[in-house]
Protein backbone atom coordinates (compact mmCIF):
# COMPACT_ATOMS: atom_id res chain seq x y z
CA MET A 1 190.35 125.03 181.64
CA SER A 2 191.14 122.66 184.84
CA ALA A 3 190.92 118.92 184.48
CA ARG A 4 188.88 119.00 187.29
CA ARG A 5 186.54 121.50 185.78
CA ARG A 6 186.54 119.77 182.53
CA LEU A 7 185.79 116.39 184.54
CA ARG A 8 182.75 118.36 185.97
CA SER A 9 181.28 119.87 182.75
CA MET A 10 181.71 116.22 180.71
CA ALA A 11 180.17 114.28 184.08
CA ALA A 12 176.81 117.29 183.39
CA VAL A 13 176.36 116.39 179.85
CA GLY A 14 176.29 112.40 180.54
CA VAL A 15 174.03 113.70 183.99
CA ALA A 16 171.48 114.72 180.57
CA VAL A 17 172.12 112.50 178.27
CA ALA A 18 171.02 109.37 180.62
CA ALA A 19 168.27 111.57 181.61
CA LEU A 20 166.73 111.76 177.85
CA SER A 21 167.62 108.61 177.39
CA CYS A 22 164.94 107.34 179.78
CA ALA A 23 162.16 109.46 179.28
CA PRO A 24 154.15 124.57 153.98
CA GLN A 25 155.32 124.71 151.52
CA ALA A 26 158.17 124.90 149.29
CA ALA A 27 157.38 128.83 148.89
CA VAL A 28 156.51 131.76 151.31
CA SER A 29 155.28 135.37 150.11
CA GLY A 30 156.17 138.66 152.01
CA THR A 31 157.98 140.36 154.03
CA ALA A 32 161.18 137.71 155.62
CA SER A 33 159.17 137.68 159.01
CA ALA A 34 160.01 135.32 162.09
CA SER A 35 157.51 132.71 163.36
CA ALA A 36 154.46 131.97 161.02
CA ASN A 37 153.04 131.17 164.38
CA GLY A 38 152.93 134.37 165.60
CA THR A 39 154.98 137.36 167.04
CA SER A 40 158.11 136.23 168.74
CA HIS A 41 160.50 137.51 171.57
CA GLY A 42 162.97 135.42 170.82
CA THR A 43 166.02 135.19 168.53
CA LEU A 44 167.65 133.18 165.95
CA PHE A 45 171.52 132.68 165.85
CA ILE A 46 172.07 131.17 162.11
CA VAL A 47 175.52 129.94 161.48
CA GLY A 48 177.22 129.26 158.22
CA GLY A 49 178.66 125.68 159.06
CA GLY A 50 182.46 125.44 159.48
CA SER A 51 184.07 125.99 162.93
CA GLN A 52 182.96 128.23 165.19
CA PRO A 53 185.04 131.33 166.90
CA ASP A 54 184.63 131.99 170.54
CA THR A 55 182.50 135.37 169.64
CA LEU A 56 180.00 133.05 167.92
CA ILE A 57 179.77 130.76 170.95
CA SER A 58 180.02 133.59 173.83
CA GLU A 59 177.01 135.48 171.79
CA PHE A 60 175.00 132.44 171.68
CA ILE A 61 175.03 131.85 175.70
CA SER A 62 174.69 135.62 175.86
CA LEU A 63 171.30 135.93 174.24
CA ALA A 64 170.02 132.24 176.07
CA GLY A 65 170.35 134.31 179.22
CA GLY A 66 174.12 134.32 179.88
CA PRO A 67 176.95 132.24 181.51
CA GLY A 68 174.95 129.81 184.53
CA ARG A 69 171.41 130.77 183.71
CA ALA A 70 171.41 129.59 179.65
CA HIS A 71 169.60 126.06 179.39
CA ILE A 72 169.92 124.94 175.70
CA ALA A 73 169.05 121.71 174.08
CA VAL A 74 171.04 119.97 171.93
CA VAL A 75 169.49 118.49 169.12
CA PRO A 76 171.96 116.37 166.93
CA MET A 77 169.29 113.93 164.48
CA ALA A 78 171.06 115.41 161.49
CA SER A 79 174.96 114.29 162.25
CA GLY A 80 175.38 110.69 160.82
CA GLU A 81 177.15 110.50 164.35
CA PRO A 82 174.58 111.90 166.39
CA GLU A 83 175.38 111.09 169.94
CA GLU A 84 178.93 111.75 169.17
CA SER A 85 177.72 115.41 167.90
CA GLY A 86 175.37 116.28 170.75
CA ARG A 87 177.40 115.21 173.00
CA ASP A 88 180.66 117.51 171.82
CA LYS A 89 178.31 120.61 171.08
CA ALA A 90 176.41 119.68 174.92
CA GLN A 91 180.32 119.99 176.19
CA GLN A 92 181.29 122.98 175.02
CA LEU A 93 178.23 124.68 175.37
CA THR A 94 178.94 123.70 179.43
CA GLU A 95 182.10 124.78 179.20
CA SER A 96 181.15 127.74 178.20
CA GLY A 97 179.23 128.32 181.24
CA ALA A 98 175.54 126.84 180.03
CA ARG A 99 173.60 124.03 181.36
CA ALA A 100 173.52 122.02 178.22
CA PHE A 101 172.11 118.50 177.17
CA VAL A 102 171.15 116.57 174.42
CA LEU A 103 167.93 116.26 173.13
CA LEU A 104 168.28 112.67 170.94
CA VAL A 105 165.02 111.04 169.74
CA ASP A 106 163.24 109.44 166.67
CA ARG A 107 159.98 110.18 165.65
CA ALA A 108 158.14 108.60 168.23
CA GLN A 109 160.09 109.93 171.14
CA ALA A 110 159.04 113.64 169.43
CA GLU A 111 154.99 112.85 169.41
CA ARG A 112 155.36 112.56 173.34
CA ASP A 113 153.84 114.64 176.34
CA SER A 114 157.62 113.19 178.42
CA THR A 115 159.54 114.41 175.86
CA VAL A 116 157.88 117.53 175.00
CA HIS A 117 158.31 118.77 179.07
CA LEU A 118 162.11 117.97 179.10
CA LEU A 119 161.78 121.84 176.88
CA ASP A 120 160.04 123.69 179.77
CA SER A 121 162.27 125.39 180.83
CA VAL A 122 165.11 126.07 178.64
CA THR A 123 166.07 129.55 176.87
CA GLY A 124 168.00 128.03 173.90
CA VAL A 125 167.94 125.09 170.94
CA TRP A 126 171.11 124.29 169.43
CA PHE A 127 170.34 122.44 165.93
CA THR A 128 173.92 120.48 165.08
CA GLY A 129 175.35 120.45 161.26
CA GLY A 130 174.72 117.20 159.06
CA ASP A 131 172.02 116.39 156.60
CA GLN A 132 169.01 118.57 157.38
CA ALA A 133 166.75 115.80 155.35
CA ARG A 134 167.80 113.17 158.35
CA LEU A 135 166.14 115.85 161.17
CA THR A 136 163.40 117.50 158.98
CA PRO A 137 161.48 114.11 159.29
CA ILE A 138 161.89 113.76 162.55
CA LEU A 139 160.48 116.86 163.79
CA SER A 140 157.96 118.45 161.22
CA GLY A 141 154.54 118.39 162.44
CA THR A 142 155.78 117.13 166.26
CA PRO A 143 153.94 118.50 169.59
CA LEU A 144 158.48 118.51 170.20
CA LEU A 145 158.63 121.31 167.02
CA ALA A 146 155.63 122.89 168.42
CA ALA A 147 157.01 123.58 171.93
CA MET A 148 160.48 124.47 170.43
CA LYS A 149 158.11 127.27 168.66
CA ALA A 150 156.65 128.45 171.69
CA ARG A 151 159.70 128.01 173.46
CA TYR A 152 160.71 130.63 171.30
CA ARG A 153 158.10 133.07 170.95
CA ALA A 154 158.34 133.10 174.97
CA GLY A 155 162.18 134.51 173.81
CA ALA A 156 164.08 131.76 173.50
CA VAL A 157 167.11 131.80 171.09
CA ILE A 158 166.58 129.31 168.47
CA GLY A 159 170.49 128.04 166.74
CA GLY A 160 171.81 126.00 164.35
CA THR A 161 174.67 125.36 161.71
CA SER A 162 175.20 124.03 158.57
CA ALA A 163 172.32 121.90 158.03
CA GLY A 164 171.14 123.25 161.16
CA ALA A 165 170.79 126.90 159.28
CA ALA A 166 169.11 125.36 156.38
CA ILE A 167 165.88 123.86 158.17
CA MET A 168 165.21 127.14 159.86
CA THR A 169 163.11 128.95 157.52
CA ASP A 170 159.87 127.45 156.05
CA SER A 171 161.47 126.50 152.54
CA MET A 172 164.69 124.48 152.82
CA LEU A 173 167.59 123.47 150.18
CA THR A 174 168.25 119.48 150.63
CA GLY A 175 171.80 119.91 148.43
CA ASN A 176 170.31 117.37 146.00
CA GLN A 177 169.98 118.87 141.94
CA PHE A 178 167.73 117.78 139.29
CA ARG A 179 170.69 117.48 135.70
CA ASP A 180 170.43 116.44 132.64
CA GLY A 181 169.13 112.25 132.42
CA ALA A 182 167.98 112.05 136.00
CA ASP A 183 164.57 111.18 136.96
CA THR A 184 164.72 111.71 140.61
CA ALA A 185 167.46 114.12 142.38
CA GLY A 186 170.26 113.00 143.95
CA TYR A 187 173.16 114.24 145.83
CA PHE A 188 176.12 115.44 142.67
CA GLY A 189 178.72 117.16 145.01
CA ASP A 190 179.38 120.71 145.56
CA GLU A 191 179.58 121.75 142.04
CA PHE A 192 176.95 123.63 141.26
CA PRO A 193 177.27 124.68 136.88
CA SER A 194 174.71 126.45 136.34
CA ILE A 195 171.80 128.86 136.90
CA ALA A 196 168.78 127.70 136.00
CA ARG A 197 165.28 126.67 136.45
CA HIS A 198 164.53 123.39 138.50
CA ALA A 199 167.53 122.54 139.13
CA ILE A 200 167.82 122.37 142.91
CA GLU A 201 165.65 120.44 144.98
CA VAL A 202 163.86 123.02 147.56
CA VAL A 203 161.08 120.95 150.31
CA PRO A 204 159.70 121.93 153.07
CA GLY A 205 161.80 123.13 156.50
CA LEU A 206 160.41 123.76 160.15
CA GLY A 207 159.79 127.45 159.37
CA PHE A 208 161.32 129.49 162.07
CA LEU A 209 161.98 132.32 159.98
CA SER A 210 159.21 132.82 156.73
CA GLY A 211 159.77 134.41 153.47
CA ALA A 212 163.50 133.47 153.68
CA ILE A 213 165.56 130.93 152.68
CA VAL A 214 169.18 129.55 153.88
CA ASP A 215 172.07 128.62 151.74
CA GLN A 216 175.28 128.00 154.28
CA HIS A 217 178.97 127.46 153.63
CA PHE A 218 178.52 129.89 151.05
CA VAL A 219 181.50 131.38 149.98
CA ARG A 220 183.94 128.76 151.14
CA ARG A 221 181.91 126.03 148.19
CA GLU A 222 181.15 129.60 146.03
CA ARG A 223 177.74 128.14 146.64
CA VAL A 224 175.98 131.59 144.23
CA ASN A 225 174.68 129.65 141.60
CA ARG A 226 172.73 127.26 144.16
CA LEU A 227 171.37 130.42 145.49
CA LEU A 228 170.17 132.66 143.01
CA SER A 229 168.66 129.14 140.75
CA VAL A 230 166.77 129.13 144.23
CA VAL A 231 165.95 132.56 144.03
CA LEU A 232 165.23 133.44 141.29
CA GLU A 233 162.51 130.74 140.62
CA ARG A 234 160.78 131.79 144.21
CA PRO A 235 161.25 135.19 143.61
CA SER A 236 159.11 136.02 147.44
CA LEU A 237 161.74 134.11 149.09
CA ILE A 238 165.11 136.93 150.17
CA GLY A 239 168.19 134.19 149.79
CA VAL A 240 170.74 134.33 152.66
CA GLY A 241 174.18 132.91 151.63
CA ILE A 242 176.16 132.93 154.75
CA ASP A 243 179.32 131.78 155.01
CA GLU A 244 181.57 129.75 157.22
CA GLY A 245 182.14 130.94 161.12
CA THR A 246 180.11 133.56 160.61
CA ALA A 247 176.10 134.22 162.20
CA ILE A 248 172.43 135.88 161.00
CA ILE A 249 171.01 136.97 163.61
CA VAL A 250 167.55 137.43 163.45
CA ARG A 251 166.71 139.74 166.26
CA PRO A 252 163.08 140.20 167.70
CA THR A 253 162.37 143.80 166.04
CA GLY A 254 163.24 141.53 162.16
CA THR A 255 166.16 143.01 161.37
CA TRP A 256 168.84 140.52 160.46
CA ASP A 257 172.54 141.46 162.66
CA VAL A 258 175.50 139.58 160.92
CA LEU A 259 178.60 138.58 163.62
CA GLY A 260 181.57 136.07 162.75
CA ARG A 261 184.62 135.84 160.85
CA SER A 262 183.33 136.62 156.80
CA ALA A 263 179.69 137.41 155.64
CA ALA A 264 176.36 136.85 154.39
CA LEU A 265 175.16 137.04 151.27
CA ILE A 266 171.55 138.12 150.15
CA PHE A 267 170.08 137.79 146.87
CA ASP A 268 166.47 140.50 146.96
CA ALA A 269 164.35 139.84 143.52
CA ARG A 270 160.77 140.73 145.25
CA ARG A 271 161.08 143.65 142.28
CA ALA A 272 163.01 142.01 139.83
CA ALA A 273 161.67 141.26 136.60
CA ILE A 274 162.23 137.45 135.66
CA SER A 275 162.01 135.63 132.43
CA SER A 276 158.65 133.59 131.93
CA GLN A 277 158.81 130.39 132.52
CA GLY A 278 159.20 129.76 129.01
CA ALA A 279 162.10 131.19 128.09
CA PRO A 280 164.80 128.91 127.25
CA LEU A 281 167.11 130.37 129.42
CA LEU A 282 166.63 132.24 132.83
CA GLY A 283 167.59 135.47 132.89
CA ALA A 284 166.85 138.82 135.43
CA SER A 285 167.33 142.33 136.02
CA GLU A 286 166.82 144.49 139.09
CA VAL A 287 167.94 141.74 141.55
CA ARG A 288 169.48 143.39 144.50
CA LEU A 289 172.87 141.91 146.09
CA HIS A 290 174.22 142.71 149.68
CA LEU A 291 177.17 141.77 151.03
CA VAL A 292 177.09 142.33 154.79
CA PRO A 293 180.47 142.06 156.43
CA SER A 294 180.64 140.83 160.40
CA GLY A 295 179.45 144.07 162.14
CA GLY A 296 176.37 144.87 159.25
CA ARG A 297 172.68 144.77 159.35
CA PHE A 298 169.77 143.86 156.60
CA ASP A 299 166.32 145.10 157.32
CA PRO A 300 164.48 142.39 155.46
CA ARG A 301 161.21 144.78 155.78
CA SER A 302 162.77 147.62 153.13
CA GLY A 303 165.40 145.49 151.67
CA GLU A 304 168.24 148.05 153.24
CA ALA A 305 171.14 146.71 153.92
CA THR A 306 174.19 148.57 156.29
CA LEU A 307 177.82 148.34 156.65
CA PRO A 308 179.87 148.31 159.62
CA ALA A 309 181.13 151.99 160.74
CA ARG A 310 184.47 150.36 159.73
């Protein structure tokens, strides 16, 4: 990219930020589907974290209308450095041909009509990574979240990575674990040494996707124990473990396409037999596991996966 074009794209992002500065429950039964608030004409673009290959950036912009037409709001409140995170993502999208601005708000701003109207013409929303527990208290139950869901139902693409992936479903992993001897949930790092009940904290997410729960950095960080524990406790939810640099694309038809560098693991315990609540150890039979690489597809209605032809 030329220095002149880079300066123009950075200026466009800066203007958008400056303009803005002035201005369920834990388990859902049934088949994984789009928004719980009605049939959606939009698309979900759920990325498992890590760096995103150019193919993912291009596909997200294409789903938002394509270069020159895509108008994307970047929502960075999950990040510990939201200004920088939002600016960097908006610049990346702008350099790839979209119009992008940073939507950095607090809870009070998320309640205001003036903030809601910033979404009137957007064709896409992007949630950055960070800590999902920072983001949901700001947006849950607000007019701003309702406006995002309305844009989604109207045909917009809603995307996010890492924490921005976890928030997509009705039920959300926080990263906290319950350990023996601990009275409350706490973050114990990326080690999940057992498959057990009452081990992983699950709270309400933002609810763009019902009947599923998402885990991210999945293969890279070996999070099988975590997601399997959650799915066996909540067998109505399809567990979706998305690896880094990889996306699940939830189409308006309801099918899930995998795109990117790696794969997604899907745990489906909807027809499984699971040990009783009082059993000393958690056990299950007939849990379906699908490893779906890039180019593959999963249909949550039938529970069937299709692998790429080559």
